[in-house]
Amino acid sequence: MDKKPWESGILRVHENKRYFTNGDTPFFWLADTAWLMFQRLTLEETYRYLRNRKEKGYNVILADFL
């Protein structure tokens, strides 16, 4: 059974300050920007967008919350 990411430890900057780690494992940050997601999309559109990004392998979404 695969471990879920949050079961490996907290996300932090490695001691060498060059990359993130999740516990002891390097974390690959594959992000998309959706700055106005909370202001412009309906709840249904937001779910559709997040499912789409998950299917494409994104693991970080950058959004602005006001």
PDB file of N, CA and C in Angstrom:
ATOM      1  N   MET A   1       0.841  -1.184   0.000  1.00  0.00           N
ATOM      2  CA  MET A   1       0.000   0.000   0.000  1.00  0.00           C
ATOM      3  C   MET A   1       0.885   1.247   0.000  1.00  0.00           C
ATOM      4  N   ASP A   2       0.593   2.177  -0.888  1.00  0.00           N
ATOM      5  CA  ASP A   2       1.369   3.419  -0.970  1.00  0.00           C
ATOM      6  C   ASP A   2       1.049   4.342   0.196  1.00  0.00           C
ATOM      7  N   LYS A   3       2.084   5.031   0.649  1.00  0.00           N
ATOM      8  CA  LYS A   3       1.903   6.047   1.688  1.00  0.00           C
ATOM      9  C   LYS A   3       1.328   7.310   1.082  1.00  0.00           C
ATOM     10  N   LYS A   4       0.452   7.956   1.809  1.00  0.00           N
ATOM     11  CA  LYS A   4      -0.039   9.266   1.386  1.00  0.00           C
ATOM     12  C   LYS A   4       1.041  10.285   1.736  1.00  0.00           C
ATOM     13  N   PRO A   5       1.175  11.374   0.972  1.00  0.00           N
ATOM     14  CA  PRO A   5       2.260  12.339   1.196  1.00  0.00           C
ATOM     15  C   PRO A   5       2.340  12.856   2.626  1.00  0.00           C
ATOM     16  N   TRP A   6       1.204  13.136   3.253  1.00  0.00           N
ATOM     17  CA  TRP A   6       1.217  13.701   4.606  1.00  0.00           C
ATOM     18  C   TRP A   6       1.636  12.682   5.661  1.00  0.00           C
ATOM     19  N   GLU A   7       1.730  11.395   5.289  1.00  0.00           N
ATOM     20  CA  GLU A   7       2.185  10.380   6.232  1.00  0.00           C
ATOM     21  C   GLU A   7       3.713  10.301   6.280  1.00  0.00           C
ATOM     22  N   SER A   8       4.397  10.985   5.380  1.00  0.00           N
ATOM     23  CA  SER A   8       5.861  10.944   5.324  1.00  0.00           C
ATOM     24  C   SER A   8       6.507  12.010   6.192  1.00  0.00           C
ATOM     25  N   GLY A   9       5.751  12.950   6.693  1.00  0.00           N
ATOM     26  CA  GLY A   9       6.301  14.034   7.494  1.00  0.00           C
ATOM     27  C   GLY A   9       5.876  15.373   6.934  1.00  0.00           C
ATOM     28  N   ILE A  10       6.364  16.425   7.574  1.00  0.00           N
ATOM     29  CA  ILE A  10       5.967  17.759   7.145  1.00  0.00           C
ATOM     30  C   ILE A  10       6.782  18.220   5.940  1.00  0.00           C
ATOM     31  N   LEU A  11       6.201  19.122   5.187  1.00  0.00           N
ATOM     32  CA  LEU A  11       6.900  19.727   4.055  1.00  0.00           C
ATOM     33  C   LEU A  11       7.813  20.816   4.609  1.00  0.00           C
ATOM     34  N   ARG A  12       9.099  20.726   4.287  1.00  0.00           N
ATOM     35  CA  ARG A  12      10.054  21.700   4.805  1.00  0.00           C
ATOM     36  C   ARG A  12      11.178  21.894   3.797  1.00  0.00           C
ATOM     37  N   VAL A  13      11.972  22.927   4.015  1.00  0.00           N
ATOM     38  CA  VAL A  13      13.148  23.173   3.190  1.00  0.00           C
ATOM     39  C   VAL A  13      14.280  22.291   3.715  1.00  0.00           C
ATOM     40  N   HIS A  14      14.971  21.613   2.825  1.00  0.00           N
ATOM     41  CA  HIS A  14      16.072  20.740   3.208  1.00  0.00           C
ATOM     42  C   HIS A  14      17.177  21.541   3.873  1.00  0.00           C
ATOM     43  N   GLU A  15      18.002  20.891   4.659  1.00  0.00           N
ATOM     44  CA  GLU A  15      19.113  21.545   5.368  1.00  0.00           C
ATOM     45  C   GLU A  15      20.026  22.329   4.432  1.00  0.00           C
ATOM     46  N   ASN A  16      20.218  21.819   3.205  1.00  0.00           N
ATOM     47  CA  ASN A  16      21.116  22.507   2.264  1.00  0.00           C
ATOM     48  C   ASN A  16      20.449  23.715   1.589  1.00  0.00           C
ATOM     49  N   LYS A  17      19.171  23.973   1.912  1.00  0.00           N
ATOM     50  CA  LYS A  17      18.415  25.136   1.392  1.00  0.00           C
ATOM     51  C   LYS A  17      18.220  25.121  -0.119  1.00  0.00           C
ATOM     52  N   ARG A  18      18.290  23.931  -0.736  1.00  0.00           N
ATOM     53  CA  ARG A  18      18.185  23.861  -2.195  1.00  0.00           C
ATOM     54  C   ARG A  18      16.880  23.253  -2.687  1.00  0.00           C
ATOM     55  N   TYR A  19      16.140  22.563  -1.832  1.00  0.00           N
ATOM     56  CA  TYR A  19      14.882  21.952  -2.263  1.00  0.00           C
ATOM     57  C   TYR A  19      14.009  21.618  -1.059  1.00  0.00           C
ATOM     58  N   PHE A  20      12.736  21.317  -1.350  1.00  0.00           N
ATOM     59  CA  PHE A  20      11.796  20.898  -0.320  1.00  0.00           C
ATOM     60  C   PHE A  20      11.921  19.407  -0.076  1.00  0.00           C
ATOM     61  N   THR A  21      11.588  19.000   1.135  1.00  0.00           N
ATOM     62  CA  THR A  21      11.479  17.575   1.436  1.00  0.00           C
ATOM     63  C   THR A  21      10.153  17.328   2.130  1.00  0.00           C
ATOM     64  N   ASN A  22       9.651  16.125   1.947  1.00  0.00           N
ATOM     65  CA  ASN A  22       8.467  15.658   2.641  1.00  0.00           C
ATOM     66  C   ASN A  22       8.965  14.540   3.538  1.00  0.00           C
ATOM     67  N   GLY A  23       9.224  14.852   4.810  1.00  0.00           N
ATOM     68  CA  GLY A  23       9.930  13.912   5.665  1.00  0.00           C
ATOM     69  C   GLY A  23      11.365  13.865   5.182  1.00  0.00           C
ATOM     70  N   ASP A  24      11.829  12.683   4.783  1.00  0.00           N
ATOM     71  CA  ASP A  24      13.186  12.528   4.238  1.00  0.00           C
ATOM     72  C   ASP A  24      13.204  12.434   2.721  1.00  0.00           C
ATOM     73  N   THR A  25      12.046  12.535   2.095  1.00  0.00           N
ATOM     74  CA  THR A  25      11.919  12.365   0.651  1.00  0.00           C
ATOM     75  C   THR A  25      11.874  13.725  -0.053  1.00  0.00           C
ATOM     76  N   PRO A  26      12.675  13.930  -1.108  1.00  0.00           N
ATOM     77  CA  PRO A  26      12.578  15.184  -1.868  1.00  0.00           C
ATOM     78  C   PRO A  26      11.152  15.366  -2.411  1.00  0.00           C
ATOM     79  N   PHE A  27      10.667  16.602  -2.397  1.00  0.00           N
ATOM     80  CA  PHE A  27       9.316  16.926  -2.850  1.00  0.00           C
ATOM     81  C   PHE A  27       9.412  17.671  -4.172  1.00  0.00           C
ATOM     82  N   PHE A  28       8.811  17.097  -5.209  1.00  0.00           N
ATOM     83  CA  PHE A  28       8.774  17.756  -6.514  1.00  0.00           C
ATOM     84  C   PHE A  28       7.549  18.645  -6.581  1.00  0.00           C
ATOM     85  N   TRP A  29       7.755  19.945  -6.722  1.00  0.00           N
ATOM     86  CA  TRP A  29       6.696  20.941  -6.706  1.00  0.00           C
ATOM     87  C   TRP A  29       6.228  21.170  -8.136  1.00  0.00           C
ATOM     88  N   LEU A  30       5.081  20.597  -8.506  1.00  0.00           N
ATOM     89  CA  LEU A  30       4.493  20.816  -9.825  1.00  0.00           C
ATOM     90  C   LEU A  30       3.228  21.633  -9.616  1.00  0.00           C
ATOM     91  N   ALA A  31       3.315  22.921  -9.885  1.00  0.00           N
ATOM     92  CA  ALA A  31       2.238  23.843  -9.524  1.00  0.00           C
ATOM     93  C   ALA A  31       1.550  24.459 -10.731  1.00  0.00           C
ATOM     94  N   ASP A  32       0.323  24.883 -10.484  1.00  0.00           N
ATOM     95  CA  ASP A  32      -0.443  25.661 -11.440  1.00  0.00           C
ATOM     96  C   ASP A  32      -0.957  26.883 -10.688  1.00  0.00           C
ATOM     97  N   THR A  33      -1.152  27.980 -11.391  1.00  0.00           N
ATOM     98  CA  THR A  33      -1.684  29.185 -10.754  1.00  0.00           C
ATOM     99  C   THR A  33      -3.147  29.363 -11.100  1.00  0.00           C
ATOM    100  N   ALA A  34      -3.924  29.606 -10.082  1.00  0.00           N
ATOM    101  CA  ALA A  34      -5.355  29.874 -10.241  1.00  0.00           C
ATOM    102  C   ALA A  34      -5.688  31.028  -9.314  1.00  0.00           C
ATOM    103  N   TRP A  35      -5.047  32.160  -9.551  1.00  0.00           N
ATOM    104  CA  TRP A  35      -5.128  33.281  -8.625  1.00  0.00           C
ATOM    105  C   TRP A  35      -6.550  33.666  -8.257  1.00  0.00           C
ATOM    106  N   LEU A  36      -7.442  33.691  -9.216  1.00  0.00           N
ATOM    107  CA  LEU A  36      -8.809  34.161  -8.948  1.00  0.00           C
ATOM    108  C   LEU A  36      -9.823  33.027  -8.821  1.00  0.00           C
ATOM    109  N   MET A  37      -9.352  31.829  -8.542  1.00  0.00           N
ATOM    110  CA  MET A  37     -10.243  30.673  -8.456  1.00  0.00           C
ATOM    111  C   MET A  37     -11.383  30.911  -7.462  1.00  0.00           C
ATOM    112  N   PHE A  38     -11.088  31.418  -6.275  1.00  0.00           N
ATOM    113  CA  PHE A  38     -12.111  31.602  -5.253  1.00  0.00           C
ATOM    114  C   PHE A  38     -13.049  32.767  -5.563  1.00  0.00           C
ATOM    115  N   GLN A  39     -12.586  33.729  -6.332  1.00  0.00           N
ATOM    116  CA  GLN A  39     -13.426  34.885  -6.644  1.00  0.00           C
ATOM    117  C   GLN A  39     -14.275  34.687  -7.904  1.00  0.00           C
ATOM    118  N   ARG A  40     -13.779  33.884  -8.846  1.00  0.00           N
ATOM    119  CA  ARG A  40     -14.440  33.817 -10.154  1.00  0.00           C
ATOM    120  C   ARG A  40     -15.181  32.507 -10.444  1.00  0.00           C
ATOM    121  N   LEU A  41     -14.796  31.405  -9.801  1.00  0.00           N
ATOM    122  CA  LEU A  41     -15.394  30.114 -10.135  1.00  0.00           C
ATOM    123  C   LEU A  41     -16.488  29.731  -9.144  1.00  0.00           C
ATOM    124  N   THR A  42     -17.478  29.003  -9.664  1.00  0.00           N
ATOM    125  CA  THR A  42     -18.485  28.428  -8.778  1.00  0.00           C
ATOM    126  C   THR A  42     -17.865  27.221  -8.084  1.00  0.00           C
ATOM    127  N   LEU A  43     -18.548  26.698  -7.101  1.00  0.00           N
ATOM    128  CA  LEU A  43     -18.045  25.522  -6.389  1.00  0.00           C
ATOM    129  C   LEU A  43     -17.876  24.335  -7.351  1.00  0.00           C
ATOM    130  N   GLU A  44     -18.840  24.144  -8.234  1.00  0.00           N
ATOM    131  CA  GLU A  44     -18.768  23.055  -9.219  1.00  0.00           C
ATOM    132  C   GLU A  44     -17.576  23.245 -10.162  1.00  0.00           C
ATOM    133  N   GLU A  45     -17.371  24.459 -10.640  1.00  0.00           N
ATOM    134  CA  GLU A  45     -16.229  24.744 -11.522  1.00  0.00           C
ATOM    135  C   GLU A  45     -14.905  24.531 -10.793  1.00  0.00           C
ATOM    136  N   THR A  46     -14.853  24.881  -9.512  1.00  0.00           N
ATOM    137  CA  THR A  46     -13.640  24.690  -8.721  1.00  0.00           C
ATOM    138  C   THR A  46     -13.321  23.212  -8.585  1.00  0.00           C
ATOM    139  N   TYR A  47     -14.328  22.401  -8.253  1.00  0.00           N
ATOM    140  CA  TYR A  47     -14.110  20.952  -8.153  1.00  0.00           C
ATOM    141  C   TYR A  47     -13.629  20.374  -9.485  1.00  0.00           C
ATOM    142  N   ARG A  48     -14.251  20.812 -10.580  1.00  0.00           N
ATOM    143  CA  ARG A  48     -13.857  20.325 -11.905  1.00  0.00           C
ATOM    144  C   ARG A  48     -12.396  20.695 -12.200  1.00  0.00           C
ATOM    145  N   TYR A  49     -12.028  21.932 -11.904  1.00  0.00           N
ATOM    146  CA  TYR A  49     -10.659  22.404 -12.120  1.00  0.00           C
ATOM    147  C   TYR A  49      -9.662  21.583 -11.290  1.00  0.00           C
ATOM    148  N   LEU A  50      -9.959  21.397 -10.000  1.00  0.00           N
ATOM    149  CA  LEU A  50      -9.033  20.659  -9.132  1.00  0.00           C
ATOM    150  C   LEU A  50      -8.909  19.193  -9.532  1.00  0.00           C
ATOM    151  N   ARG A  51     -10.026  18.576  -9.927  1.00  0.00           N
ATOM    152  CA  ARG A  51      -9.957  17.186 -10.413  1.00  0.00           C
ATOM    153  C   ARG A  51      -9.095  17.094 -11.665  1.00  0.00           C
ATOM    154  N   ASN A  52      -9.269  18.049 -12.578  1.00  0.00           N
ATOM    155  CA  ASN A  52      -8.488  18.084 -13.808  1.00  0.00           C
ATOM    156  C   ASN A  52      -7.001  18.196 -13.513  1.00  0.00           C
ATOM    157  N   ARG A  53      -6.635  19.082 -12.604  1.00  0.00           N
ATOM    158  CA  ARG A  53      -5.213  19.255 -12.265  1.00  0.00           C
ATOM    159  C   ARG A  53      -4.655  18.022 -11.570  1.00  0.00           C
ATOM    160  N   LYS A  54      -5.455  17.385 -10.729  1.00  0.00           N
ATOM    161  CA  LYS A  54      -5.014  16.146 -10.067  1.00  0.00           C
ATOM    162  C   LYS A  54      -4.740  15.063 -11.109  1.00  0.00           C
ATOM    163  N   GLU A  55      -5.632  14.921 -12.082  1.00  0.00           N
ATOM    164  CA  GLU A  55      -5.456  13.928 -13.150  1.00  0.00           C
ATOM    165  C   GLU A  55      -4.191  14.196 -13.957  1.00  0.00           C
ATOM    166  N   LYS A  56      -3.807  15.467 -14.072  1.00  0.00           N
ATOM    167  CA  LYS A  56      -2.602  15.825 -14.828  1.00  0.00           C
ATOM    168  C   LYS A  56      -1.329  15.732 -13.989  1.00  0.00           C
ATOM    169  N   GLY A  57      -1.458  15.443 -12.693  1.00  0.00           N
ATOM    170  CA  GLY A  57      -0.287  15.233 -11.856  1.00  0.00           C
ATOM    171  C   GLY A  57       0.176  16.433 -11.056  1.00  0.00           C
ATOM    172  N   TYR A  58      -0.567  17.526 -11.103  1.00  0.00           N
ATOM    173  CA  TYR A  58      -0.188  18.688 -10.303  1.00  0.00           C
ATOM    174  C   TYR A  58      -0.353  18.357  -8.813  1.00  0.00           C
ATOM    175  N   ASN A  59       0.557  18.866  -7.987  1.00  0.00           N
ATOM    176  CA  ASN A  59       0.429  18.630  -6.548  1.00  0.00           C
ATOM    177  C   ASN A  59       0.385  19.926  -5.747  1.00  0.00           C
ATOM    178  N   VAL A  60       0.429  21.072  -6.412  1.00  0.00           N
ATOM    179  CA  VAL A  60       0.339  22.377  -5.744  1.00  0.00           C
ATOM    180  C   VAL A  60      -0.513  23.295  -6.624  1.00  0.00           C
ATOM    181  N   ILE A  61      -1.469  23.977  -5.993  1.00  0.00           N
ATOM    182  CA  ILE A  61      -2.262  25.003  -6.687  1.00  0.00           C
ATOM    183  C   ILE A  61      -2.052  26.306  -5.922  1.00  0.00           C
ATOM    184  N   LEU A  62      -1.625  27.335  -6.653  1.00  0.00           N
ATOM    185  CA  LEU A  62      -1.411  28.645  -6.047  1.00  0.00           C
ATOM    186  C   LEU A  62      -2.626  29.501  -6.324  1.00  0.00           C
ATOM    187  N   ALA A  63      -3.299  29.943  -5.255  1.00  0.00           N
ATOM    188  CA  ALA A  63      -4.504  30.741  -5.410  1.00  0.00           C
ATOM    189  C   ALA A  63      -4.493  31.868  -4.395  1.00  0.00           C
ATOM    190  N   ASP A  64      -5.213  32.916  -4.709  1.00  0.00           N
ATOM    191  CA  ASP A  64      -5.323  34.080  -3.844  1.00  0.00           C
ATOM    192  C   ASP A  64      -6.661  34.012  -3.127  1.00  0.00           C
ATOM    193  N   PHE A  65      -6.618  34.094  -1.815  1.00  0.00           N
ATOM    194  CA  PHE A  65      -7.836  34.041  -1.017  1.00  0.00           C
ATOM    195  C   PHE A  65      -8.001  35.364  -0.283  1.00  0.00           C
ATOM    196  N   LEU A  66      -9.061  36.077  -0.610  1.00  0.00           N
ATOM    197  CA  LEU A  66      -9.318  37.378   0.031  1.00  0.00           C
ATOM    198  C   LEU A  66     -10.392  37.250   1.066  1.00  0.00           C
TER     199      LEU A  66
END
